[in-house]
Protein backbone atom coordinates (compact mmCIF):
# COMPACT_ATOMS: atom_id res chain seq x y z
CA UNK A 1 27.08 -2.70 5.72
CA UNK A 2 25.15 -5.40 7.58
CA UNK A 3 23.91 -2.75 9.99
CA UNK A 4 22.83 -0.56 7.07
CA UNK A 5 20.82 -3.40 5.51
CA UNK A 6 19.03 -3.99 8.79
CA UNK A 7 18.17 -0.30 9.08
CA UNK A 8 17.09 -0.08 5.44
CA UNK A 9 14.54 -2.84 5.94
CA UNK A 10 13.21 -1.19 9.09
CA UNK A 11 13.04 2.11 7.21
CA UNK A 12 10.97 0.57 4.41
CA UNK A 13 8.73 -1.11 6.99
CA UNK A 14 8.20 2.26 8.76
CA UNK A 15 9.60 0.64 11.89
CA UNK A 16 12.23 3.22 12.91
CA UNK A 17 11.90 5.58 15.84
CA UNK A 18 11.71 9.29 15.03
CA UNK A 19 15.31 9.71 16.17
CA UNK A 20 16.59 6.80 14.06
CA UNK A 21 14.51 7.99 11.10
CA UNK A 22 16.15 11.44 11.18
CA UNK A 23 19.60 9.89 11.51
CA UNK A 24 18.97 7.50 8.62
CA UNK A 25 17.64 10.25 6.34
CA UNK A 26 20.69 12.40 7.16
CA UNK A 27 22.98 9.48 6.29
CA UNK A 28 20.98 8.89 3.12
CA UNK A 29 21.54 12.45 1.90
CA UNK A 30 25.31 12.18 2.28
CA UNK A 31 25.88 8.58 1.14
CA UNK A 32 25.44 7.63 -2.55
CA UNK A 33 26.21 4.01 -1.56
CA UNK A 34 23.35 3.97 0.93
CA UNK A 35 21.05 5.55 -1.67
CA UNK A 36 21.99 2.79 -4.12
CA UNK A 37 21.31 0.09 -1.52
CA UNK A 38 17.93 1.62 -0.70
CA UNK A 39 17.11 1.64 -4.40
CA UNK A 40 17.93 -2.07 -4.66
CA UNK A 41 15.69 -2.89 -1.71
CA UNK A 42 12.87 -0.92 -3.34
CA UNK A 43 13.43 -2.79 -6.62
CA UNK A 44 13.14 -6.07 -4.73
CA UNK A 45 9.88 -4.99 -3.08
CA UNK A 46 8.47 -3.95 -6.47
CA UNK A 47 9.57 -7.23 -8.05
CA UNK A 48 8.00 -9.28 -5.28
CA UNK A 49 4.70 -7.42 -5.73
CA UNK A 50 4.76 -7.61 -9.54
CA UNK A 51 2.43 -9.92 -11.44
CA UNK A 52 5.49 -11.69 -12.89
CA UNK A 53 6.97 -12.39 -9.47
CA UNK A 54 6.41 -16.14 -9.78
CA UNK A 55 8.61 -16.29 -12.87
CA UNK A 56 11.24 -14.20 -11.09
CA UNK A 57 11.15 -16.47 -8.04
CA UNK A 58 11.34 -19.61 -10.20
CA UNK A 59 14.50 -18.38 -11.89
CA UNK A 60 16.07 -17.45 -8.57
CA UNK A 61 15.17 -20.89 -7.23
CA UNK A 62 16.97 -22.45 -10.21
CA UNK A 63 19.98 -20.28 -9.42
CA UNK A 64 19.99 -21.43 -5.79
CA UNK A 65 19.76 -25.09 -6.79
CA UNK A 66 22.57 -24.73 -9.33
CA UNK A 67 24.76 -22.97 -6.77
CA UNK A 68 24.19 -25.76 -4.22
CA UNK A 69 24.91 -28.41 -6.84
CA UNK A 70 28.18 -26.90 -8.04
CA UNK A 71 29.45 -25.62 -4.71
CA UNK A 72 29.46 -22.27 -2.95
CA UNK A 73 32.11 -20.74 -5.22
CA UNK A 74 30.49 -21.86 -8.46
CA UNK A 75 29.25 -19.21 -10.84
CA UNK A 76 25.70 -19.47 -12.14
CA UNK A 77 24.08 -17.37 -14.84
CA UNK A 78 20.49 -16.29 -14.93
CA UNK A 79 18.86 -14.82 -18.02
CA UNK A 80 15.89 -12.49 -18.12
CA UNK A 81 13.80 -11.57 -21.14
CA UNK A 82 12.13 -8.30 -20.17
CA UNK A 83 13.61 -4.85 -19.41
CA UNK A 84 12.70 -4.73 -15.73
CA UNK A 85 14.57 -7.96 -15.21
CA UNK A 86 17.88 -6.18 -15.78
CA UNK A 87 17.25 -4.15 -12.63
CA UNK A 88 16.36 -7.39 -10.87
CA UNK A 89 19.67 -8.89 -12.05
CA UNK A 90 21.53 -6.05 -10.38
CA UNK A 91 19.66 -6.81 -7.17
CA UNK A 92 20.61 -10.50 -7.07
CA UNK A 93 23.90 -9.88 -5.27
CA UNK A 94 22.02 -8.06 -2.54
CA UNK A 95 19.36 -10.78 -2.40
CA UNK A 96 22.06 -13.41 -1.97
CA UNK A 97 23.61 -11.38 0.84
CA UNK A 98 20.26 -10.99 2.60
CA UNK A 99 19.47 -14.66 2.17
CA UNK A 100 17.72 -16.29 -0.78
CA UNK A 101 15.45 -18.38 1.40
CA UNK A 102 13.86 -15.39 3.12
CA UNK A 103 13.13 -13.69 -0.22
CA UNK A 104 12.01 -16.71 -2.22
CA UNK A 105 9.77 -18.10 0.48
CA UNK A 106 8.22 -14.78 1.42
CA UNK A 107 4.46 -14.99 0.83
CA UNK A 108 2.64 -12.26 -1.04
CA UNK A 109 0.66 -11.21 2.02
CA UNK A 110 -2.21 -8.78 2.36
CA UNK A 111 0.24 -6.42 4.04
CA UNK A 112 2.41 -6.52 0.91
CA UNK A 113 -0.59 -5.72 -1.28
CA UNK A 114 -1.77 -2.87 0.92
CA UNK A 115 1.72 -1.38 0.95
CA UNK A 116 1.69 -1.31 -2.84
CA UNK A 117 -1.90 -0.30 -3.56
CA UNK A 118 -3.11 1.79 -0.64
CA UNK A 119 -2.76 5.53 -0.46
CA UNK A 120 -5.19 8.07 1.01
CA UNK A 121 -7.42 9.88 -1.46
CA UNK A 122 -6.53 13.52 -1.99
CA UNK A 123 -8.89 16.10 -0.55
CA UNK A 124 -11.27 17.33 -3.23
CA UNK A 125 -14.30 18.46 -1.25
CA UNK A 126 -16.35 21.22 -2.83
CA UNK A 127 -16.31 24.30 -0.63
CA UNK A 128 -19.99 25.08 -0.75
CA UNK A 129 -21.24 27.91 1.40
CA UNK A 130 -23.24 26.46 4.28
CA UNK A 131 -25.96 28.19 6.26
CA UNK A 132 -24.27 27.32 9.53
CA UNK A 133 -20.76 28.85 9.80
CA UNK A 134 -19.88 26.46 12.64
CA UNK A 135 -20.61 23.45 10.46
CA UNK A 136 -18.55 24.96 7.66
CA UNK A 137 -15.67 25.45 10.09
CA UNK A 138 -15.81 21.78 11.06
CA UNK A 139 -15.41 20.79 7.39
CA UNK A 140 -12.55 23.22 6.82
CA UNK A 141 -10.67 22.02 9.90
CA UNK A 142 -11.34 18.37 9.09
CA UNK A 143 -9.93 18.85 5.59
CA UNK A 144 -6.80 20.57 6.93
CA UNK A 145 -6.19 17.85 9.51
CA UNK A 146 -6.66 15.21 6.79
CA UNK A 147 -4.15 16.93 4.49
CA UNK A 148 -1.63 17.13 7.35
CA UNK A 149 -2.01 13.44 8.13
CA UNK A 150 -3.55 14.17 11.53
CA UNK A 151 -6.26 11.59 11.07
CA UNK A 152 -7.37 11.45 14.70
CA UNK A 153 -8.40 15.12 14.65
CA UNK A 154 -9.75 14.72 11.13
CA UNK A 155 -12.09 11.99 12.38
CA UNK A 156 -13.36 14.20 15.20
CA UNK A 157 -14.14 17.13 12.89
CA UNK A 158 -15.62 15.06 10.05
CA UNK A 159 -17.95 13.46 12.60
CA UNK A 160 -18.96 16.87 13.96
CA UNK A 161 -19.64 18.08 10.41
CA UNK A 162 -21.67 14.98 9.53
CA UNK A 163 -23.93 15.45 12.56
CA UNK A 164 -25.46 18.38 10.65
CA UNK A 165 -24.75 17.17 7.10
CA UNK A 166 -25.28 13.38 7.25
CA UNK A 167 -25.83 13.06 3.48
CA UNK A 168 -22.49 14.59 2.50
CA UNK A 169 -20.89 11.63 0.69
CA UNK A 170 -17.52 13.32 0.32
CA UNK A 171 -17.14 13.86 4.06
CA UNK A 172 -18.25 10.25 4.69
CA UNK A 173 -15.56 9.01 2.30
CA UNK A 174 -12.82 11.02 3.99
CA UNK A 175 -14.07 9.94 7.39
CA UNK A 176 -13.84 6.31 6.27
CA UNK A 177 -10.28 6.77 5.01
CA UNK A 178 -9.28 8.56 8.21
CA UNK A 179 -10.69 5.68 10.26
CA UNK A 180 -8.74 3.25 8.07
CA UNK A 181 -5.56 5.23 8.77
CA UNK A 182 -6.18 4.79 12.50
CA UNK A 183 -6.59 1.01 12.00
CA UNK A 184 -10.30 1.24 12.83
CA UNK A 185 -11.25 -0.94 9.89
CA UNK A 186 -14.74 -1.96 11.02
CA UNK A 187 -15.67 1.67 11.68
CA UNK A 188 -14.21 2.60 8.30
CA UNK A 189 -16.36 -0.09 6.69
CA UNK A 190 -19.52 1.42 8.22
CA UNK A 191 -18.67 4.90 6.97
CA UNK A 192 -17.69 3.77 3.47
CA UNK A 193 -20.84 1.66 3.12
CA UNK A 194 -22.90 4.79 3.78
CA UNK A 195 -21.30 6.33 0.70
CA UNK A 196 -22.08 3.23 -1.38
CA UNK A 197 -25.65 2.99 -0.09
CA UNK A 198 -26.27 6.65 -0.92
CA UNK A 199 -25.45 5.83 -4.59
CA UNK A 200 -26.25 9.26 -6.07
CA UNK A 201 -22.82 10.77 -5.61
CA UNK A 202 -19.38 11.02 -7.21
CA UNK A 203 -17.62 8.95 -4.58
CA UNK A 204 -19.16 5.48 -4.93
CA UNK A 205 -16.25 3.94 -6.86
CA UNK A 206 -13.74 5.42 -4.43
CA UNK A 207 -15.70 4.05 -1.48
CA UNK A 208 -15.88 0.59 -3.12
CA UNK A 209 -12.11 0.66 -3.63
CA UNK A 210 -11.35 1.56 -0.02
CA UNK A 211 -13.89 -1.00 1.20
CA UNK A 212 -11.96 -3.68 -0.68
CA UNK A 213 -8.75 -2.50 0.97
CA UNK A 214 -10.49 -2.58 4.38
CA UNK A 215 -11.41 -6.20 3.80
CA UNK A 216 -7.80 -6.98 2.89
CA UNK A 217 -6.63 -5.30 6.10
CA UNK A 218 -9.15 -7.45 8.00
CA UNK A 219 -7.93 -10.57 6.13
CA UNK A 220 -11.41 -11.07 4.71
CA UNK A 221 -10.06 -12.06 1.33
CA UNK A 222 -13.25 -13.39 -0.24
CA UNK A 223 -15.12 -10.16 0.51
CA UNK A 224 -12.18 -8.20 -0.89
CA UNK A 225 -12.18 -10.29 -4.07
CA UNK A 226 -15.91 -9.74 -4.59
CA UNK A 227 -15.49 -5.99 -4.15
CA UNK A 228 -12.56 -5.74 -6.57
CA UNK A 229 -14.36 -8.00 -9.07
CA UNK A 230 -17.18 -5.45 -9.28
CA UNK A 231 -14.72 -2.63 -9.86
CA UNK A 232 -12.71 -4.61 -12.41
CA UNK A 233 -15.80 -5.40 -14.50
CA UNK A 234 -17.10 -1.83 -14.61
CA UNK A 235 -16.01 1.57 -15.85
CA UNK A 236 -14.25 2.58 -12.65
CA UNK A 237 -10.97 4.46 -12.90
CA UNK A 238 -9.71 1.76 -10.50
CA UNK A 239 -10.66 -1.09 -12.86
CA UNK A 240 -7.08 -1.90 -13.90
CA UNK A 241 -5.73 -1.86 -10.36
CA UNK A 242 -8.68 -3.93 -9.16
CA UNK A 243 -7.96 -6.51 -11.88
CA UNK A 244 -4.31 -6.73 -10.79
CA UNK A 245 -5.31 -7.17 -7.16
CA UNK A 246 -7.74 -9.94 -8.06
CA UNK A 247 -4.85 -11.93 -9.52
CA UNK A 248 -2.74 -11.47 -6.40
CA UNK A 249 -5.16 -11.96 -3.50
CA UNK A 250 -4.80 -15.38 -1.94
CA UNK A 251 -7.84 -17.63 -1.99
CA UNK A 252 -8.09 -18.98 1.54
CA UNK A 253 -9.15 -22.59 1.92
């Protein structure tokens, strides 16, 4: 079981080789116990990223102190007041097995936040008929590569398309997200800012959102906070998520 826990964590961190990933997923399909353990790990990750995580950690800290005070074999009770806490209660045994210190002391890092809040925007480009069939082909191929998760080729074809259609805000947005996916955060920032600077388009809020995530990935927390503050105070469909992120981003001193 210890080996399984190690692999589960690597699986959630996307740190398995292709071979180990296939083996783990095959084991997962045939093992209800492994599925249950994976579910507990996911519950823990959700709890640690939740806005009430501090309360959760405080109660676990009290449990650890009481256990130390009364001895290793002493039983301690912990009471939760909200429905999601019952799932957290079920996870405590696993947390104790993993090691309370590593869970309680784990900082809510930018990586944690990005794991919870980042996902690539779905392709929704309007298929307008273009005068140049070659340019239209670039956009079609770029969109297909993007959908397939082949962001390197998507970048190449979005850039080729934008050479002839530099004012296409949608393509600039998807180029920025593709660059983000390739860890080219500064290049992504340039592309996304072009969408914001253009203003007269449907993608400004989306670009602002991904710019904030870029700043988080770059550990530029103050810039991220300013970006999410703008979204949280407006009518963006990302206002609620931006408000949650604002409460979680560390203020660096």
